[in-house]
């Protein structure tokens, strides 16, 4: 549905999927993400410096742009020899956010008419004239192809410069079959990794910031916990310590619930066994799918589901543990989100950094919940109304 039939996300065959996924597994294990967390923290620190600039000038901040710049810098720093540096760009590079909205908004059309996407291999003038909604994707796919080609021929070596290889450097040096390491297929994985690693988490961060800022009791309780754990806002504790904070953990869980992760139905197939559900027997090979929205918004499981209530997860050891089996923001099983530990780390570090420095100072402006916050469209990820202005804040004094 994104014109990436050979990407890790779209790979149907079980054995091929397992082979391709295992090549990434070392990068996205919980232990690896904890080792990488200082890089995430440095990006959060840069975001906070930029937010301080906006505080000084009184300029409005579009949180979707700011958080997408953060998550994009994190995932590109990990994937390629260098990050894209979007946090350094004016207004947090809104064009990059629009790239993913452009890709996502065409997902249903491409799913039904997959023959459209190969047309972007035509000359740029043709794409811009006849397929303008795919022109941005065209340019970025060319950029990714050039980056991967440069790595492949040895023109870009981050291990020499940074002391560690990037994801795509490691994949190209692996024992994967030649096709799996081809530039064309890895471009599809780049689109998948960078999209999944940026827009979903940035939405979750923006929604959390909105809901916390609009609920003073939640914000006060969070700030009390963060102040105790982080006396000096410029000297944050490591990720492993933040993960021990009870209320912050409840906020992360509630954020994952209310932001859904992915709103689209994710198909699963049992190829060789029938599945019995109540009185129904589903034959082998039957695609089965369901959206996370139906689970996360089920009032029987989560009473008053459209209210942001971190307290529903407390105590974490009992009620939190019970409810987590219904939390499917990252899906479940062998095809659950590859980067779930990275996304969770960004929530912990991002929310702790922003609210320890700017808690009590974030004022939501020009944002209408029905238009800019609530799910209106399923473009694979949850999307607000098409005329949404984004979730915006002004940072002021106490």
Protein backbone atom coordinates (compact mmCIF):
# COMPACT_ATOMS: atom_id res chain seq x y z
CA UNK A 1 0.00 0.00 0.00
CA UNK A 2 3.07 2.26 0.02
CA UNK A 3 4.64 1.00 -3.18
CA UNK A 4 7.09 -1.11 -1.18
CA UNK A 5 6.18 -4.77 -1.94
CA UNK A 6 9.66 -6.04 -1.01
CA UNK A 7 10.07 -4.09 2.22
CA UNK A 8 10.21 -5.86 5.55
CA UNK A 9 6.72 -4.55 6.34
CA UNK A 10 5.15 -5.97 3.18
CA UNK A 11 7.03 -9.29 2.98
CA UNK A 12 4.40 -12.03 3.06
CA UNK A 13 6.43 -15.25 3.02
CA UNK A 14 7.20 -16.27 6.61
CA UNK A 15 10.74 -17.52 6.03
CA UNK A 16 11.75 -14.54 3.93
CA UNK A 17 10.26 -12.14 6.48
CA UNK A 18 12.10 -13.85 9.33
CA UNK A 19 15.38 -13.66 7.40
CA UNK A 20 14.98 -9.96 6.62
CA UNK A 21 13.75 -9.06 10.10
CA UNK A 22 16.58 -10.91 11.86
CA UNK A 23 19.08 -8.75 10.00
CA UNK A 24 17.70 -5.73 11.90
CA UNK A 25 17.08 -7.39 15.25
CA UNK A 26 20.40 -6.51 16.89
CA UNK A 27 19.82 -2.82 16.23
CA UNK A 28 16.36 -2.72 17.78
CA UNK A 29 16.68 -4.97 20.82
CA UNK A 30 15.99 -3.34 24.18
CA UNK A 31 19.67 -3.58 25.11
CA UNK A 32 20.78 -1.93 21.86
CA UNK A 33 18.29 0.92 22.27
CA UNK A 34 19.53 1.58 25.80
CA UNK A 35 23.06 1.84 24.41
CA UNK A 36 21.80 4.19 21.71
CA UNK A 37 19.73 6.28 24.16
CA UNK A 38 22.45 8.94 24.70
CA UNK A 39 22.05 9.82 21.01
CA UNK A 40 18.30 10.08 21.50
CA UNK A 41 18.91 12.26 24.57
CA UNK A 42 21.20 14.56 22.59
CA UNK A 43 18.41 15.05 20.03
CA UNK A 44 15.93 15.78 22.84
CA UNK A 45 18.38 18.33 24.27
CA UNK A 46 18.63 20.00 20.86
CA UNK A 47 14.83 20.08 20.59
CA UNK A 48 14.63 21.78 23.99
CA UNK A 49 17.19 24.38 22.92
CA UNK A 50 15.05 25.15 19.89
CA UNK A 51 11.93 25.34 22.04
CA UNK A 52 13.75 27.79 24.31
CA UNK A 53 14.40 29.97 21.25
CA UNK A 54 10.68 29.97 20.53
CA UNK A 55 9.98 30.75 24.18
CA UNK A 56 12.26 33.80 23.97
CA UNK A 57 10.53 35.14 20.88
CA UNK A 58 6.98 34.05 21.75
CA UNK A 59 6.66 32.20 18.44
CA UNK A 60 4.09 29.45 18.06
CA UNK A 61 5.35 25.86 17.81
CA UNK A 62 3.61 23.27 15.67
CA UNK A 63 4.25 20.15 17.75
CA UNK A 64 3.79 17.78 14.82
CA UNK A 65 6.60 19.53 12.97
CA UNK A 66 8.85 19.77 16.03
CA UNK A 67 8.42 16.18 17.14
CA UNK A 68 8.70 14.82 13.59
CA UNK A 69 12.02 16.65 13.29
CA UNK A 70 13.11 15.01 16.56
CA UNK A 71 12.10 11.46 15.66
CA UNK A 72 13.42 11.81 12.09
CA UNK A 73 16.83 12.96 13.31
CA UNK A 74 16.94 10.03 15.72
CA UNK A 75 16.07 7.38 13.13
CA UNK A 76 18.21 8.81 10.32
CA UNK A 77 21.21 9.08 12.65
CA UNK A 78 20.72 5.38 13.37
CA UNK A 79 20.00 4.31 9.78
CA UNK A 80 22.46 6.34 7.73
CA UNK A 81 26.00 7.67 8.25
CA UNK A 82 24.54 11.02 9.38
CA UNK A 83 21.20 12.39 10.52
CA UNK A 84 19.20 14.80 8.38
CA UNK A 85 19.59 17.59 10.92
CA UNK A 86 15.94 18.62 10.75
CA UNK A 87 16.03 20.06 14.26
CA UNK A 88 18.46 22.68 12.97
CA UNK A 89 16.17 23.81 10.15
CA UNK A 90 13.74 26.75 10.34
CA UNK A 91 10.33 25.87 11.76
CA UNK A 92 11.48 22.25 12.17
CA UNK A 93 11.44 21.42 8.44
CA UNK A 94 7.67 21.22 7.86
CA UNK A 95 8.30 19.88 4.34
CA UNK A 96 9.60 16.65 5.86
CA UNK A 97 6.41 16.20 7.82
CA UNK A 98 4.42 16.85 4.65
CA UNK A 99 6.45 14.10 2.91
CA UNK A 100 5.00 11.46 5.20
CA UNK A 101 1.50 12.92 5.07
CA UNK A 102 1.75 12.76 1.26
CA UNK A 103 2.80 9.10 1.35
CA UNK A 104 0.20 8.13 3.94
CA UNK A 105 -2.71 9.96 2.32
CA UNK A 106 -2.24 7.96 -0.89
CA UNK A 107 -2.04 4.60 0.86
CA UNK A 108 -5.61 3.47 0.18
CA UNK A 109 -5.39 4.34 -3.51
CA UNK A 110 -2.08 2.51 -3.87
CA UNK A 111 -3.42 -0.52 -2.01
CA UNK A 112 -6.29 -0.89 -4.49
CA UNK A 113 -4.32 0.15 -7.57
CA UNK A 114 -0.69 -0.91 -6.94
CA UNK A 115 0.18 -0.47 -10.61
CA UNK A 116 0.22 3.31 -10.05
CA UNK A 117 3.38 3.39 -7.94
CA UNK A 118 5.82 2.07 -10.60
CA UNK A 119 4.92 5.18 -12.60
CA UNK A 120 7.20 7.22 -10.33
CA UNK A 121 10.13 5.60 -12.12
CA UNK A 122 9.13 7.81 -15.06
CA UNK A 123 10.94 11.15 -15.53
CA UNK A 124 10.35 13.75 -12.84
CA UNK A 125 8.51 16.09 -15.21
CA UNK A 126 5.95 13.33 -15.89
CA UNK A 127 5.44 12.61 -12.20
CA UNK A 128 5.11 16.30 -11.30
CA UNK A 129 2.57 16.88 -14.09
CA UNK A 130 0.42 13.76 -13.86
CA UNK A 131 1.07 12.40 -10.34
CA UNK A 132 1.83 15.51 -8.26
CA UNK A 133 0.90 13.79 -4.98
CA UNK A 134 3.75 11.32 -5.58
CA UNK A 135 6.37 13.88 -6.62
CA UNK A 136 7.69 14.39 -3.08
CA UNK A 137 8.02 10.63 -2.64
CA UNK A 138 9.84 10.45 -5.98
CA UNK A 139 12.49 12.94 -4.84
CA UNK A 140 13.05 11.28 -1.48
CA UNK A 141 13.32 7.79 -2.95
CA UNK A 142 16.05 9.11 -5.22
CA UNK A 143 17.81 10.58 -2.16
CA UNK A 144 17.62 7.27 -0.29
CA UNK A 145 18.89 5.39 -3.34
CA UNK A 146 21.88 7.72 -3.60
CA UNK A 147 22.67 7.35 0.11
CA UNK A 148 22.51 3.56 0.00
CA UNK A 149 24.54 3.45 -3.23
CA UNK A 150 27.26 5.63 -1.65
CA UNK A 151 27.44 3.29 1.33
CA UNK A 152 27.57 0.28 -0.96
CA UNK A 153 30.52 1.58 -3.00
CA UNK A 154 32.36 2.80 0.10
CA UNK A 155 31.93 6.54 -0.37
CA UNK A 156 30.33 7.02 3.05
CA UNK A 157 31.70 5.27 6.12
CA UNK A 158 30.24 6.31 9.45
CA UNK A 159 32.16 3.66 11.40
CA UNK A 160 35.40 5.56 10.76
CA UNK A 161 33.78 8.88 11.67
CA UNK A 162 31.52 7.88 14.58
CA UNK A 163 32.99 4.62 15.80
CA UNK A 164 29.87 2.63 14.94
CA UNK A 165 28.28 1.53 11.67
CA UNK A 166 24.81 2.63 10.61
CA UNK A 167 22.00 0.18 10.00
CA UNK A 168 22.39 0.17 6.24
CA UNK A 169 26.16 -0.18 6.41
CA UNK A 170 25.68 -3.28 8.54
CA UNK A 171 23.04 -4.74 6.23
CA UNK A 172 25.24 -4.25 3.18
CA UNK A 173 28.08 -6.07 4.95
CA UNK A 174 25.83 -8.92 6.07
CA UNK A 175 25.33 -12.38 4.55
CA UNK A 176 21.84 -11.56 3.25
CA UNK A 177 21.14 -12.78 -0.32
CA UNK A 178 22.11 -10.31 -3.09
CA UNK A 179 18.52 -9.28 -3.82
CA UNK A 180 17.89 -8.44 -0.17
CA UNK A 181 20.92 -6.12 -0.31
CA UNK A 182 20.02 -4.52 -3.64
CA UNK A 183 19.65 -0.74 -3.65
CA UNK A 184 16.05 -0.95 -4.88
CA UNK A 185 14.91 -3.23 -2.07
CA UNK A 186 16.80 -1.34 0.62
CA UNK A 187 15.17 1.90 -0.56
CA UNK A 188 11.84 0.26 0.27
CA UNK A 189 13.15 -0.60 3.74
CA UNK A 190 14.46 2.95 4.15
CA UNK A 191 11.00 4.34 3.40
CA UNK A 192 9.49 1.89 5.89
CA UNK A 193 12.03 2.49 8.68
CA UNK A 194 12.08 6.26 8.36
CA UNK A 195 8.31 6.53 8.08
CA UNK A 196 7.47 4.13 10.91
CA UNK A 197 10.29 5.57 13.01
CA UNK A 198 9.17 9.17 12.69
CA UNK A 199 5.52 9.94 12.07
CA UNK A 200 3.93 7.44 14.49
CA UNK A 201 6.09 8.43 17.46
CA UNK A 202 5.86 12.14 16.69
CA UNK A 203 2.07 11.89 16.73
CA UNK A 204 2.20 10.11 20.08
CA UNK A 205 4.50 12.79 21.52
CA UNK A 206 2.30 15.60 20.21
CA UNK A 207 -0.87 14.03 21.60
CA UNK A 208 0.75 13.38 24.98
CA UNK A 209 1.94 16.98 25.16
CA UNK A 210 -1.55 18.22 24.28
CA UNK A 211 -3.37 16.06 26.82
CA UNK A 212 -0.89 16.68 29.63
CA UNK A 213 -0.87 20.45 29.04
CA UNK A 214 -4.67 20.53 29.05
CA UNK A 215 -4.95 18.63 32.34
CA UNK A 216 -3.28 20.56 35.14
CA UNK A 217 -3.59 17.77 37.70
CA UNK A 218 -1.84 15.29 35.39
CA UNK A 219 0.81 17.86 34.55
CA UNK A 220 1.42 18.75 38.21
CA UNK A 221 1.81 15.11 39.23
CA UNK A 222 4.22 14.47 36.35
CA UNK A 223 6.29 17.55 37.14
CA UNK A 224 6.51 16.58 40.80
CA UNK A 225 7.88 13.17 39.86
CA UNK A 226 10.29 14.58 37.27
CA UNK A 227 11.59 17.29 39.60
CA UNK A 228 12.40 14.66 42.21
CA UNK A 229 14.10 12.34 39.72
CA UNK A 230 15.78 15.14 37.75
CA UNK A 231 16.77 17.99 40.13
CA UNK A 232 18.88 19.58 37.39
CA UNK A 233 16.87 19.72 34.14
CA UNK A 234 20.12 20.01 32.21
CA UNK A 235 21.44 16.77 33.67
CA UNK A 236 18.77 14.14 32.88
CA UNK A 237 19.05 10.60 34.22
CA UNK A 238 19.64 7.71 31.80
CA UNK A 239 16.76 5.94 30.11
CA UNK A 240 16.92 2.97 32.45
CA UNK A 241 16.22 5.28 35.41
CA UNK A 242 13.35 7.07 33.70
CA UNK A 243 11.73 3.71 32.99
CA UNK A 244 11.48 3.20 36.76
CA UNK A 245 9.32 6.31 37.27
CA UNK A 246 5.79 5.18 38.05
CA UNK A 247 3.69 8.07 36.81
CA UNK A 248 5.83 8.73 33.73
CA UNK A 249 5.44 5.03 32.85
CA UNK A 250 1.67 5.31 33.25
CA UNK A 251 1.68 8.36 30.95
CA UNK A 252 3.70 6.46 28.32
CA UNK A 253 1.23 3.56 28.43
CA UNK A 254 -1.79 5.88 28.20
CA UNK A 255 -0.13 7.74 25.33
CA UNK A 256 0.35 4.50 23.40
CA UNK A 257 -3.29 3.61 24.03
CA UNK A 258 -4.85 6.90 23.01
CA UNK A 259 -2.59 7.42 19.96
CA UNK A 260 -3.23 3.85 18.68
CA UNK A 261 0.16 3.49 16.96
CA UNK A 262 -1.34 2.32 13.66
CA UNK A 263 -5.03 2.74 12.91
CA UNK A 264 -5.12 0.53 9.82
CA UNK A 265 -6.18 -3.10 9.87
CA UNK A 266 -3.06 -5.26 9.88
CA UNK A 267 -3.71 -8.54 8.10
CA UNK A 268 -2.49 -11.85 9.51
CA UNK A 269 -2.72 -15.27 7.84
CA UNK A 270 -2.39 -18.74 9.33
CA UNK A 271 -1.23 -20.65 6.24
CA UNK A 272 -1.64 -24.28 7.25
CA UNK A 273 -4.16 -24.53 10.12
CA UNK A 274 -7.83 -23.72 10.55
CA UNK A 275 -8.68 -21.20 13.27
CA UNK A 276 -11.74 -21.73 15.45
CA UNK A 277 -13.42 -18.62 16.89
CA UNK A 278 -16.59 -19.32 18.90
CA UNK A 279 -18.78 -21.18 16.40
CA UNK A 280 -16.80 -20.11 13.34
CA UNK A 281 -14.07 -22.10 11.63
CA UNK A 282 -11.79 -20.03 9.42
CA UNK A 283 -10.02 -22.11 6.77
CA UNK A 284 -6.20 -22.04 6.42
CA UNK A 285 -4.98 -19.06 4.43
CA UNK A 286 -7.87 -16.77 5.47
CA UNK A 287 -6.67 -13.16 6.00
CA UNK A 288 -7.78 -11.84 9.39
CA UNK A 289 -7.44 -8.21 10.39
CA UNK A 290 -8.60 -5.76 13.02
CA UNK A 291 -7.75 -2.19 13.92
CA UNK A 292 -6.19 -1.26 17.24
CA UNK A 293 -8.84 1.46 17.55
CA UNK A 294 -11.51 -1.15 18.36
CA UNK A 295 -9.44 -2.48 21.25
CA UNK A 296 -8.01 0.76 22.64
CA UNK A 297 -11.41 2.45 22.53
CA UNK A 298 -13.38 -0.47 23.97
CA UNK A 299 -15.20 1.01 27.01
CA UNK A 300 -15.43 -2.44 28.63
CA UNK A 301 -11.64 -2.72 28.73
CA UNK A 302 -10.84 0.99 29.05
CA UNK A 303 -13.78 2.91 30.61
CA UNK A 304 -14.19 6.45 29.27
CA UNK A 305 -11.69 5.61 26.51
CA UNK A 306 -11.38 9.06 24.92
CA UNK A 307 -10.26 10.61 28.20
CA UNK A 308 -6.53 10.72 28.87
CA UNK A 309 -6.23 9.00 32.26
CA UNK A 310 -2.76 7.70 33.17
CA UNK A 311 -4.17 6.60 36.52
CA UNK A 312 -6.01 3.74 34.82
CA UNK A 313 -2.65 1.93 34.58
CA UNK A 314 -1.88 2.18 38.30
CA UNK A 315 -0.68 0.27 40.16
CA UNK A 316 1.65 -0.79 37.36
CA UNK A 317 2.38 -4.17 38.92
CA UNK A 318 -1.27 -5.24 39.00
CA UNK A 319 -3.71 -3.14 36.96
CA UNK A 320 -1.03 -1.98 34.56
CA UNK A 321 0.13 -5.54 33.93
CA UNK A 322 -3.46 -6.69 33.36
CA UNK A 323 -4.24 -3.94 30.85
CA UNK A 324 -1.03 -4.28 28.87
CA UNK A 325 -2.26 -7.45 27.20
CA UNK A 326 -4.86 -5.23 25.49
CA UNK A 327 -2.28 -2.67 24.37
CA UNK A 328 -1.58 -3.31 20.69
CA UNK A 329 -0.03 -0.02 19.55
CA UNK A 330 2.99 -2.03 18.39
CA UNK A 331 0.90 -5.05 17.35
CA UNK A 332 1.84 -8.48 18.72
CA UNK A 333 3.73 -11.59 17.73
CA UNK A 334 6.46 -12.18 15.17
CA UNK A 335 5.37 -9.17 13.09
CA UNK A 336 5.08 -6.64 15.88
CA UNK A 337 6.74 -3.27 15.35
CA UNK A 338 10.48 -3.75 14.85
CA UNK A 339 11.34 -0.41 16.47
CA UNK A 340 8.98 -0.60 19.45
CA UNK A 341 11.80 -0.17 21.99
CA UNK A 342 13.13 2.88 20.12
CA UNK A 343 9.66 4.45 20.00
CA UNK A 344 9.12 3.84 23.71
CA UNK A 345 12.55 5.30 24.54
CA UNK A 346 11.67 8.45 22.58
CA UNK A 347 8.47 8.80 24.60
CA UNK A 348 10.29 8.49 27.92
CA UNK A 349 13.18 10.78 27.02
CA UNK A 350 11.11 13.24 24.99
CA UNK A 351 8.31 13.77 27.51
CA UNK A 352 10.72 13.88 30.46
CA UNK A 353 12.95 16.43 28.72
CA UNK A 354 10.17 18.72 27.51
CA UNK A 355 8.09 18.75 30.69
CA UNK A 356 11.02 18.99 33.08
CA UNK A 357 12.16 22.13 31.25
CA UNK A 358 8.83 23.61 30.11
CA UNK A 359 6.18 22.03 32.32
CA UNK A 360 3.55 24.56 33.33
CA UNK A 361 4.59 26.89 30.50
CA UNK A 362 3.04 25.16 27.46
CA UNK A 363 -0.17 26.89 26.37
CA UNK A 364 -2.18 25.18 23.65
CA UNK A 365 -3.24 27.67 20.96
CA UNK A 366 -5.10 27.58 17.64
CA UNK A 367 -5.95 23.92 18.28
CA UNK A 368 -9.45 22.47 18.13
CA UNK A 369 -9.74 18.97 19.54
CA UNK A 370 -12.34 17.79 17.03
CA UNK A 371 -10.34 19.16 14.09
CA UNK A 372 -6.71 18.76 15.14
CA UNK A 373 -6.55 15.99 17.74
CA UNK A 374 -9.20 13.31 17.29
CA UNK A 375 -8.87 10.55 14.70
CA UNK A 376 -10.90 11.38 11.60
CA UNK A 377 -9.09 9.52 8.83
CA UNK A 378 -7.27 6.21 8.70
CA UNK A 379 -4.24 6.83 6.49
CA UNK A 380 -2.54 3.76 7.96
CA UNK A 381 -1.66 6.00 10.90
CA UNK A 382 -4.37 8.03 12.71
CA UNK A 383 -4.98 11.35 10.99
CA UNK A 384 -7.01 14.39 12.01
CA UNK A 385 -9.26 16.38 9.69
CA UNK A 386 -7.77 17.37 6.36
CA UNK A 387 -8.03 21.05 7.26
CA UNK A 388 -6.18 20.52 10.54
CA UNK A 389 -3.78 23.29 11.57
CA UNK A 390 -1.77 20.91 13.72
CA UNK A 391 -1.34 20.80 17.49
CA UNK A 392 0.23 24.12 18.42
CA UNK A 393 1.60 25.64 21.61
CA UNK A 394 3.12 28.87 22.81
CA UNK A 395 5.75 28.62 25.54
CA UNK A 396 5.41 31.31 28.15
CA UNK A 397 6.18 32.05 31.79
CA UNK A 398 4.61 30.30 34.74
